[in-house]
């Protein structure tokens, strides 16, 4: 298969996305803005997207590879 279609790539992308979301959440919180889903739906949607990428990476590690 294609080298970018591996669980390791999804895991790295998911972790980078999670770290940036945590940083952005901390940045918003530090200026007094609480990033709740009602106030920032884009932030909540990005969180769901990152969770899905990480879930897909986890599923990818449990599937036996065919060569």
C-alpha atoms as a PDB file:
ATOM      1  CA  UNK A   1       0.000   0.000   0.000  1.00  0.00           C
ATOM      2  CA  UNK A   2       0.835   3.673  -0.050  1.00  0.00           C
ATOM      3  CA  UNK A   3       3.223   4.704   2.745  1.00  0.00           C
ATOM      4  CA  UNK A   4       0.958   7.532   3.948  1.00  0.00           C
ATOM      5  CA  UNK A   5      -1.883   5.042   4.417  1.00  0.00           C
ATOM      6  CA  UNK A   6      -0.522   3.578   7.633  1.00  0.00           C
ATOM      7  CA  UNK A   7      -1.617   3.811  11.265  1.00  0.00           C
ATOM      8  CA  UNK A   8       1.658   5.494  12.229  1.00  0.00           C
ATOM      9  CA  UNK A   9       0.983   8.459   9.947  1.00  0.00           C
ATOM     10  CA  UNK A  10      -2.549   8.803  11.320  1.00  0.00           C
ATOM     11  CA  UNK A  11      -1.212   8.595  14.861  1.00  0.00           C
ATOM     12  CA  UNK A  12       1.371  11.317  14.257  1.00  0.00           C
ATOM     13  CA  UNK A  13      -1.182  13.583  12.555  1.00  0.00           C
ATOM     14  CA  UNK A  14      -3.685  12.971  15.350  1.00  0.00           C
ATOM     15  CA  UNK A  15      -1.143  13.730  18.059  1.00  0.00           C
ATOM     16  CA  UNK A  16      -0.018  16.917  16.318  1.00  0.00           C
ATOM     17  CA  UNK A  17      -3.663  17.948  15.978  1.00  0.00           C
ATOM     18  CA  UNK A  18      -4.345  17.148  19.632  1.00  0.00           C
ATOM     19  CA  UNK A  19      -1.333  19.152  20.777  1.00  0.00           C
ATOM     20  CA  UNK A  20      -2.368  22.161  18.714  1.00  0.00           C
ATOM     21  CA  UNK A  21      -5.925  21.957  20.061  1.00  0.00           C
ATOM     22  CA  UNK A  22      -4.645  21.807  23.629  1.00  0.00           C
ATOM     23  CA  UNK A  23      -2.358  24.770  22.977  1.00  0.00           C
ATOM     24  CA  UNK A  24      -5.155  26.780  21.352  1.00  0.00           C
ATOM     25  CA  UNK A  25      -7.545  25.911  24.171  1.00  0.00           C
ATOM     26  CA  UNK A  26      -4.985  27.037  26.745  1.00  0.00           C
ATOM     27  CA  UNK A  27      -4.338  30.203  24.760  1.00  0.00           C
ATOM     28  CA  UNK A  28      -8.048  31.048  24.662  1.00  0.00           C
ATOM     29  CA  UNK A  29      -8.500  30.187  28.330  1.00  0.00           C
ATOM     30  CA  UNK A  30      -5.545  32.376  29.343  1.00  0.00           C
ATOM     31  CA  UNK A  31      -7.238  35.479  27.889  1.00  0.00           C
ATOM     32  CA  UNK A  32     -10.467  34.738  29.744  1.00  0.00           C
ATOM     33  CA  UNK A  33     -12.389  32.982  26.974  1.00  0.00           C
ATOM     34  CA  UNK A  34     -13.780  29.560  27.793  1.00  0.00           C
ATOM     35  CA  UNK A  35     -13.921  27.506  24.555  1.00  0.00           C
ATOM     36  CA  UNK A  36     -17.279  25.819  25.155  1.00  0.00           C
ATOM     37  CA  UNK A  37     -19.095  24.218  22.192  1.00  0.00           C
ATOM     38  CA  UNK A  38     -21.858  26.839  22.386  1.00  0.00           C
ATOM     39  CA  UNK A  39     -19.351  29.682  22.030  1.00  0.00           C
ATOM     40  CA  UNK A  40     -16.913  28.092  19.584  1.00  0.00           C
ATOM     41  CA  UNK A  41     -18.445  25.348  17.437  1.00  0.00           C
ATOM     42  CA  UNK A  42     -15.366  25.228  15.205  1.00  0.00           C
ATOM     43  CA  UNK A  43     -13.169  24.310  18.154  1.00  0.00           C
ATOM     44  CA  UNK A  44     -15.593  21.558  19.167  1.00  0.00           C
ATOM     45  CA  UNK A  45     -15.763  20.255  15.596  1.00  0.00           C
ATOM     46  CA  UNK A  46     -11.972  20.201  15.356  1.00  0.00           C
ATOM     47  CA  UNK A  47     -11.852  18.246  18.624  1.00  0.00           C
ATOM     48  CA  UNK A  48     -14.263  15.660  17.209  1.00  0.00           C
ATOM     49  CA  UNK A  49     -12.173  15.431  14.028  1.00  0.00           C
ATOM     50  CA  UNK A  50      -8.946  14.857  15.931  1.00  0.00           C
ATOM     51  CA  UNK A  51     -10.666  12.245  18.091  1.00  0.00           C
ATOM     52  CA  UNK A  52     -11.838  10.426  14.956  1.00  0.00           C
ATOM     53  CA  UNK A  53      -8.335  10.465  13.457  1.00  0.00           C
ATOM     54  CA  UNK A  54      -6.876   9.039  16.677  1.00  0.00           C
ATOM     55  CA  UNK A  55      -9.661   6.441  16.873  1.00  0.00           C
ATOM     56  CA  UNK A  56      -8.945   5.418  13.265  1.00  0.00           C
ATOM     57  CA  UNK A  57      -5.245   5.100  14.056  1.00  0.00           C
ATOM     58  CA  UNK A  58      -6.070   2.875  17.019  1.00  0.00           C
ATOM     59  CA  UNK A  59      -8.288   0.681  14.874  1.00  0.00           C
ATOM     60  CA  UNK A  60      -5.529   0.550  12.232  1.00  0.00           C
ATOM     61  CA  UNK A  61      -3.058  -0.893  14.728  1.00  0.00           C
ATOM     62  CA  UNK A  62      -5.447  -3.706  15.669  1.00  0.00           C
ATOM     63  CA  UNK A  63      -6.097  -4.867  12.097  1.00  0.00           C
ATOM     64  CA  UNK A  64      -3.688  -7.526  10.778  1.00  0.00           C
ATOM     65  CA  UNK A  65      -1.637  -6.253   7.848  1.00  0.00           C
ATOM     66  CA  UNK A  66      -1.777  -7.937   4.486  1.00  0.00           C
ATOM     67  CA  UNK A  67       1.322  -7.606   2.352  1.00  0.00           C
END
